[in-house]
Amino acid sequence: VDFTESVYSQNRMRLFEQNPGGAVANVVCAGARLGLKTAFLGKVGKDSHGHFLADVLNKEGVDTSGLVFTDDAFTTLAFVSLDKNGEREFAFARKPGADMCIKASELKTEILTSCKVFHVGSLSMTDEPARGATLHAVMTAKKAGAHISYDPNYRAPLWASEAQARTQMRSLLPYVDFVKISENEADLLTGYTDPEKALDALLEKDVSIAVVTLGERGAMLGVKDTRALIPAFPTERVVDATGAGDAFWGAFLYCII
């Protein structure tokens, strides 16, 4: 759940609005809104926040038969503050969060073996047992013929160190067909800050389609022997960038499928 800075109370205290979040959940909701048949695999607490997220996914038409509830951990919360440009700063309540506790044995195999695209982020790679479950899911879906989609979605406070993040985030790349990274994640994933060099490095790892998002400058797409810079839609004011990359990628996967 994202608690997003909203307005001020009568006592001039900041108020935070409860919003459904989670990068992968955002992507499958975007896909569902465009008409794709989508499903979500994950773990939430058996608490008000977990039930809230399940209700939202169900209302969006996402299959939640692979969503696991637990009494052993609370649903992960993110508190999101915004600067004047709409950029985010995150603080997390996740020590541990329920999402970190999903096990490979809890994954619904029939979803993994029947999907066309399996989308994954890197936050499930921060800790065990979720790390092992993620790798198991990716390899199971890949073996069954799915294309693997990956958005690393780096959040520094959730990793023990940048070195650990770099290692674990890169460990998924050998399995990936489609990948989206933001400009500030390029160095972590590839060792290059230049978008074109980052695309080259990703495509050399047998990624079929790689995209680097560039904020107001749009996005740079790379496939074998081709690069294209696609400009962003012009806007007078950025209100909130939270989930923007996920909405973009959900629509991108819709087009690919």
Protein backbone atom coordinates (compact mmCIF):
# COMPACT_ATOMS: atom_id res chain seq x y z
CA VAL A 1 0.00 0.00 0.00
CA ASP A 2 1.29 3.45 -0.93
CA PHE A 3 0.44 6.18 1.56
CA THR A 4 0.80 9.21 -0.67
CA GLU A 5 1.17 12.76 0.61
CA SER A 6 -2.16 14.45 -0.02
CA VAL A 7 -3.24 17.64 1.76
CA TYR A 8 -2.89 19.24 5.18
CA SER A 9 -5.28 18.82 8.09
CA GLN A 10 -6.91 21.70 9.95
CA ASN A 11 -4.01 21.41 12.40
CA ARG A 12 -1.57 21.92 9.50
CA MET A 13 -0.34 18.33 9.67
CA ARG A 14 0.37 16.38 6.50
CA LEU A 15 -2.27 13.83 5.52
CA PHE A 16 -1.40 10.65 3.63
CA GLU A 17 -3.93 8.95 1.35
CA GLN A 18 -4.17 5.15 1.21
CA ASN A 19 -3.53 4.06 -2.39
CA PRO A 20 -3.12 0.59 -3.87
CA GLY A 21 0.49 0.08 -4.91
CA GLY A 22 3.17 -2.45 -5.74
CA ALA A 23 4.92 -2.15 -9.07
CA VAL A 24 3.92 -5.55 -10.48
CA ALA A 25 0.32 -5.09 -9.31
CA ASN A 26 0.26 -1.73 -11.10
CA VAL A 27 1.43 -3.38 -14.33
CA VAL A 28 -1.19 -6.14 -14.28
CA CYS A 29 -3.94 -3.60 -13.49
CA ALA A 30 -2.85 -1.48 -16.45
CA GLY A 31 -2.94 -4.58 -18.65
CA ALA A 32 -6.36 -5.59 -17.36
CA ARG A 33 -7.78 -2.13 -18.07
CA LEU A 34 -6.63 -2.47 -21.67
CA GLY A 35 -8.30 -5.87 -22.02
CA LEU A 36 -5.60 -8.41 -21.19
CA LYS A 37 -6.32 -11.46 -19.07
CA THR A 38 -4.00 -10.93 -16.10
CA ALA A 39 -3.19 -12.65 -12.81
CA PHE A 40 -1.15 -11.69 -9.76
CA LEU A 41 1.10 -13.87 -7.61
CA GLY A 42 2.15 -12.46 -4.25
CA LYS A 43 1.64 -12.37 -0.51
CA VAL A 44 -0.12 -9.89 1.75
CA GLY A 45 -0.93 -9.77 5.44
CA LYS A 46 -4.27 -10.98 6.71
CA ASP A 47 -5.03 -7.40 7.73
CA SER A 48 -7.10 -4.47 6.51
CA HIS A 49 -4.41 -3.37 4.03
CA GLY A 50 -4.05 -6.85 2.53
CA HIS A 51 -7.80 -7.20 2.07
CA PHE A 52 -7.91 -3.68 0.57
CA LEU A 53 -5.32 -4.68 -2.06
CA ALA A 54 -7.13 -7.93 -2.87
CA ASP A 55 -10.40 -6.02 -3.31
CA VAL A 56 -8.75 -3.54 -5.68
CA LEU A 57 -7.20 -6.29 -7.81
CA ASN A 58 -10.54 -8.11 -8.00
CA LYS A 59 -12.36 -4.91 -9.01
CA GLU A 60 -9.76 -4.34 -11.74
CA GLY A 61 -10.46 -7.81 -13.13
CA VAL A 62 -7.13 -9.34 -12.11
CA ASP A 63 -7.13 -13.05 -11.20
CA THR A 64 -6.19 -13.20 -7.50
CA SER A 65 -6.29 -16.98 -7.07
CA GLY A 66 -2.50 -16.83 -6.62
CA LEU A 67 -2.63 -14.17 -3.89
CA VAL A 68 -1.61 -15.62 -0.50
CA PHE A 69 -2.67 -14.22 2.90
CA THR A 70 -0.53 -14.66 6.02
CA ASP A 71 -0.92 -14.07 9.76
CA ASP A 72 2.85 -14.02 10.20
CA ALA A 73 3.66 -10.61 8.67
CA PHE A 74 1.96 -7.30 8.01
CA THR A 75 1.20 -5.99 4.52
CA THR A 76 4.12 -3.87 3.31
CA LEU A 77 3.49 -0.11 3.46
CA ALA A 78 5.29 2.65 1.54
CA PHE A 79 5.03 6.30 2.53
CA VAL A 80 5.53 8.53 -0.51
CA SER A 81 6.51 12.20 -0.27
CA LEU A 82 6.57 14.43 -3.36
CA ASP A 83 8.82 17.32 -4.30
CA LYS A 84 7.73 20.30 -6.43
CA ASN A 85 8.44 18.34 -9.65
CA GLY A 86 6.26 15.41 -8.65
CA GLU A 87 9.25 13.16 -7.95
CA ARG A 88 8.98 10.68 -5.11
CA GLU A 89 10.82 9.90 -1.91
CA PHE A 90 9.93 6.56 -0.31
CA ALA A 91 9.94 5.33 3.29
CA PHE A 92 8.97 1.70 3.89
CA ALA A 93 7.44 -0.36 6.69
CA ARG A 94 8.83 -3.79 5.72
CA LYS A 95 10.74 -5.56 8.51
CA PRO A 96 9.55 -8.00 7.32
CA GLY A 97 6.62 -7.31 5.02
CA ALA A 98 4.34 -10.11 3.90
CA ASP A 99 5.62 -9.83 0.32
CA MET A 100 9.11 -10.88 1.49
CA CYS A 101 7.73 -14.12 2.94
CA ILE A 102 6.27 -15.83 -0.13
CA LYS A 103 7.68 -19.32 -0.72
CA ALA A 104 8.09 -21.26 -3.96
CA SER A 105 5.69 -23.89 -2.60
CA GLU A 106 2.97 -21.22 -2.35
CA LEU A 107 3.10 -20.26 -6.04
CA LYS A 108 0.17 -21.34 -8.20
CA THR A 109 1.98 -23.39 -10.84
CA GLU A 110 -0.88 -23.45 -13.35
CA ILE A 111 -0.67 -19.67 -13.70
CA LEU A 112 3.07 -19.84 -14.36
CA THR A 113 2.74 -22.60 -16.95
CA SER A 114 -0.14 -21.02 -18.89
CA CYS A 115 0.85 -17.35 -19.21
CA LYS A 116 2.17 -15.70 -22.37
CA VAL A 117 4.20 -13.12 -20.43
CA PHE A 118 5.43 -13.39 -16.85
CA HIS A 119 6.32 -9.97 -15.40
CA VAL A 120 8.58 -9.59 -12.39
CA GLY A 121 10.28 -6.83 -10.41
CA SER A 122 13.40 -6.91 -8.26
CA LEU A 123 11.93 -6.07 -4.84
CA SER A 124 11.04 -9.74 -4.39
CA MET A 125 14.80 -10.40 -4.72
CA THR A 126 15.83 -8.45 -1.59
CA ASP A 127 15.35 -11.31 0.88
CA GLU A 128 14.64 -15.00 1.22
CA PRO A 129 12.33 -16.85 0.85
CA ALA A 130 10.87 -14.44 -1.74
CA ARG A 131 14.14 -14.44 -3.71
CA GLY A 132 14.06 -18.19 -4.22
CA ALA A 133 10.35 -18.06 -5.03
CA THR A 134 10.98 -15.40 -7.67
CA LEU A 135 13.72 -17.41 -9.38
CA HIS A 136 11.56 -20.53 -9.26
CA ALA A 137 8.63 -18.63 -10.81
CA VAL A 138 10.77 -17.13 -13.58
CA MET A 139 12.35 -20.45 -14.50
CA THR A 140 9.03 -22.32 -14.36
CA ALA A 141 7.30 -19.78 -16.63
CA LYS A 142 10.30 -19.65 -19.00
CA LYS A 143 10.42 -23.44 -19.29
CA ALA A 144 6.70 -23.46 -20.13
CA GLY A 145 7.27 -21.03 -23.01
CA ALA A 146 6.41 -17.65 -21.46
CA HIS A 147 8.27 -14.47 -22.31
CA ILE A 148 9.85 -13.00 -19.17
CA SER A 149 9.29 -9.28 -18.57
CA TYR A 150 11.38 -7.41 -16.00
CA ASP A 151 11.30 -3.97 -14.39
CA PRO A 152 13.96 -3.73 -11.64
CA ASN A 153 12.30 -0.71 -9.97
CA TYR A 154 15.23 0.10 -7.66
CA ARG A 155 14.35 1.31 -4.13
CA ALA A 156 17.58 1.86 -2.19
CA PRO A 157 16.10 1.67 1.36
CA LEU A 158 14.94 -1.92 0.77
CA TRP A 159 18.40 -3.31 0.00
CA ALA A 160 21.17 -4.10 2.49
CA SER A 161 23.64 -2.33 0.19
CA GLU A 162 23.96 -1.03 -3.36
CA ALA A 163 26.38 -3.87 -4.10
CA GLN A 164 23.77 -6.45 -3.08
CA ALA A 165 21.16 -4.70 -5.20
CA ARG A 166 23.48 -4.67 -8.20
CA THR A 167 24.21 -8.40 -7.88
CA GLN A 168 20.64 -9.55 -7.31
CA MET A 169 19.04 -7.23 -9.87
CA ARG A 170 21.47 -8.43 -12.55
CA SER A 171 20.94 -12.10 -11.63
CA LEU A 172 17.56 -12.13 -13.40
CA LEU A 173 18.84 -10.78 -16.73
CA PRO A 174 19.86 -14.18 -18.22
CA TYR A 175 16.18 -15.22 -18.18
CA VAL A 176 14.67 -11.96 -19.43
CA ASP A 177 13.09 -11.26 -22.84
CA PHE A 178 11.66 -7.76 -22.25
CA VAL A 179 13.18 -5.27 -19.82
CA LYS A 180 12.41 -1.69 -18.80
CA ILE A 181 14.80 0.40 -16.74
CA SER A 182 14.74 4.04 -15.77
CA GLU A 183 17.70 6.26 -16.56
CA ASN A 184 18.91 6.20 -12.94
CA GLU A 185 18.89 2.37 -12.94
CA ALA A 186 21.06 2.03 -16.05
CA ASP A 187 24.37 1.93 -14.20
CA LEU A 188 23.09 -0.59 -11.63
CA LEU A 189 21.90 -2.99 -14.32
CA THR A 190 24.58 -2.50 -16.98
CA GLY A 191 27.51 -0.48 -15.67
CA TYR A 192 26.70 2.37 -18.09
CA THR A 193 24.91 5.65 -17.45
CA ASP A 194 24.49 6.45 -21.16
CA PRO A 195 21.10 5.10 -22.33
CA GLU A 196 22.39 3.81 -25.68
CA LYS A 197 25.31 1.97 -24.09
CA ALA A 198 22.94 0.56 -21.48
CA LEU A 199 20.66 -0.72 -24.24
CA ASP A 200 23.63 -2.30 -26.02
CA ALA A 201 24.68 -4.06 -22.82
CA LEU A 202 21.17 -5.41 -22.19
CA LEU A 203 20.71 -6.65 -25.76
CA GLU A 204 24.10 -8.39 -25.60
CA LYS A 205 22.60 -10.52 -22.79
CA ASP A 206 20.01 -11.89 -25.26
CA VAL A 207 17.25 -9.53 -24.12
CA SER A 208 14.85 -9.17 -27.09
CA ILE A 209 13.41 -5.75 -26.25
CA ALA A 210 15.00 -3.20 -23.92
CA VAL A 211 13.63 0.21 -22.95
CA VAL A 212 15.21 3.03 -20.95
CA THR A 213 12.70 5.60 -19.72
CA LEU A 214 14.00 9.18 -19.73
CA GLY A 215 11.33 11.15 -17.85
CA GLU A 216 10.23 14.26 -19.74
CA ARG A 217 12.49 13.25 -22.69
CA GLY A 218 10.43 10.12 -23.36
CA ALA A 219 11.87 6.64 -23.75
CA MET A 220 14.60 4.96 -25.77
CA LEU A 221 13.80 1.57 -27.27
CA GLY A 222 16.34 -1.01 -28.33
CA VAL A 223 15.92 -4.20 -30.34
CA LYS A 224 18.52 -6.02 -32.43
CA ASP A 225 20.30 -3.49 -34.70
CA THR A 226 17.69 -0.77 -34.01
CA ARG A 227 17.41 2.13 -31.57
CA ALA A 228 14.53 4.60 -31.38
CA LEU A 229 13.92 7.62 -29.16
CA ILE A 230 10.18 8.09 -28.60
CA PRO A 231 9.30 11.53 -27.17
CA ALA A 232 7.02 11.92 -24.16
CA PHE A 233 3.56 13.40 -24.46
CA PRO A 234 3.82 17.11 -23.62
CA THR A 235 2.18 18.24 -20.39
CA GLU A 236 1.92 21.57 -18.64
CA ARG A 237 2.52 20.21 -15.16
CA VAL A 238 3.65 16.94 -13.59
CA VAL A 239 1.25 16.12 -10.76
CA ASP A 240 2.62 12.80 -9.49
CA ALA A 241 5.06 10.37 -11.12
CA THR A 242 4.15 7.46 -8.80
CA GLY A 243 3.32 4.42 -10.92
CA ALA A 244 4.03 6.20 -14.21
CA GLY A 245 6.59 3.63 -15.34
CA ASP A 246 4.27 0.78 -14.38
CA ALA A 247 1.36 2.23 -16.37
CA PHE A 248 3.71 2.72 -19.33
CA TRP A 249 4.98 -0.85 -19.13
CA GLY A 250 1.54 -2.40 -18.71
CA ALA A 251 0.47 -0.66 -21.92
CA PHE A 252 3.72 -1.64 -23.64
CA LEU A 253 3.19 -5.34 -22.80
CA TYR A 254 -0.41 -5.05 -24.00
CA CYS A 255 0.88 -3.87 -27.37
CA ILE A 256 3.50 -6.64 -27.54
CA ILE A 257 0.96 -9.33 -26.68
